[in-house]
Amino acid sequence: MIAYIANTLIFILSGVIIAQSIFSIRNFDDNTGRSWGYIFLIYIILQVSRAIVVFVFYPALRYFGYGLNWKEATIVIWSGLRGAVGLALSLSVKSASGDPKYLSAETGAMFVFLTGGSVLLTLIINGSTAQLLLSLFGMDALSKSEETMVNYAKHQLLRKAEEFSRICSGRDNPFDWITVGGYATCIKDVCEDTIWPPCTTNNSYLDIDDMKTMRVCFLKATREAYWSTFNEGRTTESTISVLMESVDEAIDLATQGLHDWNYISTRLKFPGYCKFFTNVCPPRLTRWFVLKKLQDSCHICSAFIHAHRIARQLLLDYTGDNGNAAIVIAESEAEELEARKFLESVKNSMPEILHQAESRQVTFSMLKCLDECLNDMEKEGILTEKVVLHIHDLLQVILKTPGCTLYTKGSKLTSVWLIGNGSVTSKRSPFPFHCPVDSTYARGSILGLYEALVGKPYLCDMVTNSVALCIKIKLESIISLLAQGNGVEELLWKECTIAVAKLLAPDMFKKFSMQEVRGIVDERSVMNTFSSQEIIETSHHSINFLLSGCLRDQTTEQLIECPAILPCSILNESVPYARANVMGESSGSYSKYKVVKEARIVRVDNISA
């Protein structure tokens, strides 16, 4: 929509400038006759130059990428875009004109006039004859596979119309079905006695374009099945990303066969660097990584098999006993066999992994089904709103559906949330100097811990954006942990730094996973506590998180309250709105602050390393 509006504005502006130039610039009328001749000459040169370029690169265009035959090359020559870009460039030349020493106003106006004229001829001549050229080459005709799909759609519409007729026949006042059905022109030529899908068809043709169309339809059905499993909570974001990438890759190679499993199989293998980590990392960490990788692989294979089954059935409903469809179905069954072999190998070596993966998928699906059933009962008026909310809370004690609010900004602190799976997003920036950028917290995040340590209400809204396993930890449990000592308090402060960092600087930390952020804070951070009236210096080459207390900038005399990021060069490069922060900056390599209230600061070094 924005591109359409921009194109329209460019054409309107060009027309206005051309008209204004004709009436305001001297000697423009004297050159108009010759300029019209130049327009036709430029138009011819454009056609010839485009034909030469396509002809020179035709061998490369034919054998690389998607391929290009001579009919498509002709369409590229004749129907290439010549419009908004050329006019925009000519308007740039016009805006730069006006200085007789370099570019006069007459020359700038002539640029716009000649460009607009060539664009006008392109729209009138090429635009009006492009459809004729497509019909002449037979490129707008439906393939046999597409004709089969059209017939299927017509039969489905006919079946729906007949069902509607039976429902409406019970009305008290009669109606003329012949008149009503006459408006459904798309199903007039459909024979009601035809059996669909047809039992037999001509299986002798194996046209490449037909096969490509059939495979693309199959892959699109597979993609929709993937989205369904994701909405049901049976797959995670990382899993659905791999599956969608496999579909995109397979569509690009649709002329060669179904290749989505080839892409998936490469993602199921353990990377080469894993062998190095297994030798240097602790056995417990290595085992956790292997189990997590295998569990994700099982999810991918299960979703792959489920989606291919649905797509095969849809393809049979569309085409019936079709030769091309039979080939695609055979390719799909061969790929499903490979996926089953992988699951079988996991089952034989580590059966508990497959059991956990399947149990997790079934659990998510069951809870999603129960939630939908509860919503249906509410819509039917069977249950009151109070009863629905009570049952809904019982249903989501641990597993939260997408859009569920864990807590809201300013509400009283009652508990801390541990994200076991899924993802949660902060929906409002609690600080006036920040842009409204949402921060996403993935598996392993501890939310509300910072508020528990400083004794503040919740800083922002936290809403799930997927099916999430959220474990609720009571505030009393955190207080009892703090009473144990033995470095527990320092560990909790460093852990809450992760959530504060993603909240205050989402643009900087969004490129890191939760495990990477935790590693950075654990390995490269130092926590210090400063007494009141103490003067501290912060380097501009490190990030300093003010977790508790408050400071006063020695340069600007601004009061800085927690939580906050003290200014640094790294932050200014990564977060564009950091310079608008009320914390100020120093012209040197250090900033000085005076502690107003006992402050706790965590310094993180080499964040970009």
Foldseek 3Di string as FASTA:
>chain_A
DVVVVLQVVLLVVLVVLLVCCCPPPPPPVVCVVVLLVVLVVVLVVLLVVLLVVCVVCQVVQQPDFLHDDPLRSVLCSLVPDQGRVQSVVLVVLLVPEPDVVPHHNNNSSSSSVSSSSSNVCSCVPSVVCSVVSCVVVVVPDDDPLVVLLLLLVLVVVVVVLVVVVVVVCPDPDDDDVVVVVVVVVSNPPPDPPDDPPDADDDQPDDDLVSLLVLLLLLLVLLLVLLVVLQQLQLAAPVLNVLQVVLSVVQNSVSSVAGCSLVSLVVQLDDDPCLVVCCVVPDVVVNVVVVLVSVLSNLSNLVSLLVSNVRSLVVSCRRRPPYNSSVVNNVRSVVSNVVSVVSVVVCCVPPVVSNVVSVVSSVVSNVLSVVLVVLVVCVVVVVDDPVVSVVVVCVSVVFKDAFFDWPDAAPDADWWKKAWQAAKKKFQAQLDPLDDGDIFIAGHGAIAPLLCLVAVGGHRTIIGGHHTIGIDIGGSVVVVVQVVVDPCSVVVSVLRVVLVVCCSAQVQLPVVDHSVRSSVQSVPFKDKDKDAAQDKDKDFQQKKKFWSQAWKAWPPPRDIGGPGDIAHHPVSVVRGVSPCVDPNHDDPDRMTMIGGHHIIMMMIGHPSVD
